[in-house]
């Protein structure tokens, strides 16, 4: 759940949707979006699709959506809260698909 609290932007995260519906005031953790340095889109995993990450100085958070469209909505909201701007990565590390990188400019 994305929220603004005292001028700060936070993203509460839960194990799954069932956990959120059962106890919305008890997240597994909180991502302080004001500390976000970068968001990477187009990540791949053997188990999950539609992945992106949120990088802070302390930690990298990996998130997955149900569809690419849902992932793009989340990324736009997170990047809007963080003040990040996007760029396409074209180097070899990006892989065949290319990876979208959002950074503080």
C-alpha atoms as a PDB file:
ATOM      1  CA  UNK A   1       0.000   0.000   0.000  1.00  0.00           C
ATOM      2  CA  UNK A   2       1.509   3.325  -1.119  1.00  0.00           C
ATOM      3  CA  UNK A   3       0.922   6.140   1.344  1.00  0.00           C
ATOM      4  CA  UNK A   4       2.133   9.585   2.284  1.00  0.00           C
ATOM      5  CA  UNK A   5       2.803  10.064   5.974  1.00  0.00           C
ATOM      6  CA  UNK A   6       3.990  13.446   7.286  1.00  0.00           C
ATOM      7  CA  UNK A   7       5.335  14.463   3.871  1.00  0.00           C
ATOM      8  CA  UNK A   8       7.223  11.171   3.478  1.00  0.00           C
ATOM      9  CA  UNK A   9       6.263   8.495   0.963  1.00  0.00           C
ATOM     10  CA  UNK A  10       6.141   4.885   2.124  1.00  0.00           C
ATOM     11  CA  UNK A  11       5.240   1.587   0.519  1.00  0.00           C
ATOM     12  CA  UNK A  12       3.946  -1.041   2.935  1.00  0.00           C
ATOM     13  CA  UNK A  13       4.430  -4.583   1.685  1.00  0.00           C
ATOM     14  CA  UNK A  14       2.818  -7.865   2.657  1.00  0.00           C
ATOM     15  CA  UNK A  15       3.544 -11.560   2.148  1.00  0.00           C
ATOM     16  CA  UNK A  16       0.504 -11.843  -0.128  1.00  0.00           C
ATOM     17  CA  UNK A  17      -2.932 -10.347  -0.774  1.00  0.00           C
ATOM     18  CA  UNK A  18      -4.533 -12.610   1.835  1.00  0.00           C
ATOM     19  CA  UNK A  19      -2.214 -11.175   4.528  1.00  0.00           C
ATOM     20  CA  UNK A  20      -3.128  -7.644   3.473  1.00  0.00           C
ATOM     21  CA  UNK A  21      -6.871  -8.335   3.558  1.00  0.00           C
ATOM     22  CA  UNK A  22      -6.636 -10.053   6.940  1.00  0.00           C
ATOM     23  CA  UNK A  23      -4.389  -7.498   8.683  1.00  0.00           C
ATOM     24  CA  UNK A  24      -3.888  -4.318   6.601  1.00  0.00           C
ATOM     25  CA  UNK A  25      -2.318  -2.457   9.545  1.00  0.00           C
ATOM     26  CA  UNK A  26       0.363  -5.158   9.987  1.00  0.00           C
ATOM     27  CA  UNK A  27       2.652  -5.096   6.939  1.00  0.00           C
ATOM     28  CA  UNK A  28       5.640  -7.384   6.637  1.00  0.00           C
ATOM     29  CA  UNK A  29       7.744  -4.265   6.118  1.00  0.00           C
ATOM     30  CA  UNK A  30       7.921  -0.678   4.894  1.00  0.00           C
ATOM     31  CA  UNK A  31       9.967   0.796   2.052  1.00  0.00           C
ATOM     32  CA  UNK A  32      10.872   4.445   2.661  1.00  0.00           C
ATOM     33  CA  UNK A  33      10.465   5.768  -0.888  1.00  0.00           C
ATOM     34  CA  UNK A  34      12.176   9.057  -0.047  1.00  0.00           C
ATOM     35  CA  UNK A  35      15.377   6.988   0.235  1.00  0.00           C
ATOM     36  CA  UNK A  36      14.867   5.329  -3.169  1.00  0.00           C
ATOM     37  CA  UNK A  37      17.842   5.762  -5.503  1.00  0.00           C
ATOM     38  CA  UNK A  38      16.834   3.586  -8.459  1.00  0.00           C
ATOM     39  CA  UNK A  39      14.052   1.374  -9.831  1.00  0.00           C
ATOM     40  CA  UNK A  40      14.829  -1.367 -12.388  1.00  0.00           C
ATOM     41  CA  UNK A  41      12.076  -2.766 -14.619  1.00  0.00           C
ATOM     42  CA  UNK A  42      12.139  -5.871 -16.816  1.00  0.00           C
ATOM     43  CA  UNK A  43      13.865  -8.184 -14.370  1.00  0.00           C
ATOM     44  CA  UNK A  44      13.517 -11.930 -14.840  1.00  0.00           C
ATOM     45  CA  UNK A  45      13.381 -14.861 -12.480  1.00  0.00           C
ATOM     46  CA  UNK A  46      12.720 -18.562 -12.893  1.00  0.00           C
ATOM     47  CA  UNK A  47       9.707 -18.318 -10.552  1.00  0.00           C
ATOM     48  CA  UNK A  48       8.277 -14.848 -11.148  1.00  0.00           C
ATOM     49  CA  UNK A  49       7.410 -12.586 -14.063  1.00  0.00           C
ATOM     50  CA  UNK A  50       6.560  -8.885 -14.195  1.00  0.00           C
ATOM     51  CA  UNK A  51       9.320  -8.035 -11.706  1.00  0.00           C
ATOM     52  CA  UNK A  52      10.912  -4.756 -10.720  1.00  0.00           C
ATOM     53  CA  UNK A  53      13.146  -3.630  -7.885  1.00  0.00           C
ATOM     54  CA  UNK A  54      13.430  -0.616  -5.625  1.00  0.00           C
ATOM     55  CA  UNK A  55      16.987   0.252  -4.565  1.00  0.00           C
ATOM     56  CA  UNK A  56      17.669   2.170  -1.354  1.00  0.00           C
ATOM     57  CA  UNK A  57      21.050   2.747   0.320  1.00  0.00           C
ATOM     58  CA  UNK A  58      20.277   0.010   2.844  1.00  0.00           C
ATOM     59  CA  UNK A  59      18.612  -2.645   0.695  1.00  0.00           C
ATOM     60  CA  UNK A  60      17.201  -3.766  -2.649  1.00  0.00           C
ATOM     61  CA  UNK A  61      13.520  -4.774  -2.622  1.00  0.00           C
ATOM     62  CA  UNK A  62      12.248  -7.118  -5.359  1.00  0.00           C
ATOM     63  CA  UNK A  63       8.547  -6.926  -6.229  1.00  0.00           C
ATOM     64  CA  UNK A  64       6.347  -8.752  -8.732  1.00  0.00           C
ATOM     65  CA  UNK A  65       2.962  -7.905 -10.215  1.00  0.00           C
ATOM     66  CA  UNK A  66       0.361 -10.130 -11.870  1.00  0.00           C
ATOM     67  CA  UNK A  67       0.742  -8.483 -15.307  1.00  0.00           C
ATOM     68  CA  UNK A  68       3.095  -6.123 -17.137  1.00  0.00           C
ATOM     69  CA  UNK A  69       0.373  -3.473 -17.123  1.00  0.00           C
ATOM     70  CA  UNK A  70      -0.002  -3.716 -13.337  1.00  0.00           C
ATOM     71  CA  UNK A  71       3.786  -3.588 -12.936  1.00  0.00           C
ATOM     72  CA  UNK A  72       3.965  -0.434 -15.088  1.00  0.00           C
ATOM     73  CA  UNK A  73       1.284   1.261 -12.966  1.00  0.00           C
ATOM     74  CA  UNK A  74       3.199   0.431  -9.765  1.00  0.00           C
ATOM     75  CA  UNK A  75       6.511   1.588 -11.235  1.00  0.00           C
ATOM     76  CA  UNK A  76       4.978   4.891 -12.363  1.00  0.00           C
ATOM     77  CA  UNK A  77       3.505   5.528  -8.908  1.00  0.00           C
ATOM     78  CA  UNK A  78       6.695   4.552  -7.066  1.00  0.00           C
ATOM     79  CA  UNK A  79       8.895   6.630  -9.388  1.00  0.00           C
ATOM     80  CA  UNK A  80       6.510   9.577  -9.075  1.00  0.00           C
ATOM     81  CA  UNK A  81       6.773   9.390  -5.288  1.00  0.00           C
ATOM     82  CA  UNK A  82      10.573   9.055  -5.478  1.00  0.00           C
ATOM     83  CA  UNK A  83      11.090  11.772  -8.094  1.00  0.00           C
ATOM     84  CA  UNK A  84      12.877   9.375 -10.470  1.00  0.00           C
ATOM     85  CA  UNK A  85      13.220   9.737 -14.247  1.00  0.00           C
ATOM     86  CA  UNK A  86      13.484   6.798 -16.661  1.00  0.00           C
ATOM     87  CA  UNK A  87      16.045   5.759 -19.255  1.00  0.00           C
ATOM     88  CA  UNK A  88      16.424   2.652 -21.419  1.00  0.00           C
ATOM     89  CA  UNK A  89      19.573   0.630 -20.753  1.00  0.00           C
ATOM     90  CA  UNK A  90      21.240  -0.632 -23.927  1.00  0.00           C
ATOM     91  CA  UNK A  91      24.375  -2.360 -22.672  1.00  0.00           C
ATOM     92  CA  UNK A  92      25.070  -6.099 -22.595  1.00  0.00           C
ATOM     93  CA  UNK A  93      23.999  -6.433 -18.951  1.00  0.00           C
ATOM     94  CA  UNK A  94      20.439  -5.462 -19.916  1.00  0.00           C
ATOM     95  CA  UNK A  95      19.989  -8.694 -21.842  1.00  0.00           C
ATOM     96  CA  UNK A  96      17.958  -9.247 -25.008  1.00  0.00           C
ATOM     97  CA  UNK A  97      14.809  -7.558 -23.718  1.00  0.00           C
ATOM     98  CA  UNK A  98      16.466  -4.410 -22.490  1.00  0.00           C
ATOM     99  CA  UNK A  99      15.882  -3.079 -19.034  1.00  0.00           C
ATOM    100  CA  UNK A 100      14.335   0.166 -18.009  1.00  0.00           C
ATOM    101  CA  UNK A 101      16.264   2.052 -15.339  1.00  0.00           C
ATOM    102  CA  UNK A 102      14.808   4.882 -13.244  1.00  0.00           C
ATOM    103  CA  UNK A 103      17.331   7.018 -11.334  1.00  0.00           C
ATOM    104  CA  UNK A 104      17.516  10.261  -9.410  1.00  0.00           C
ATOM    105  CA  UNK A 105      18.774  12.951 -11.808  1.00  0.00           C
END
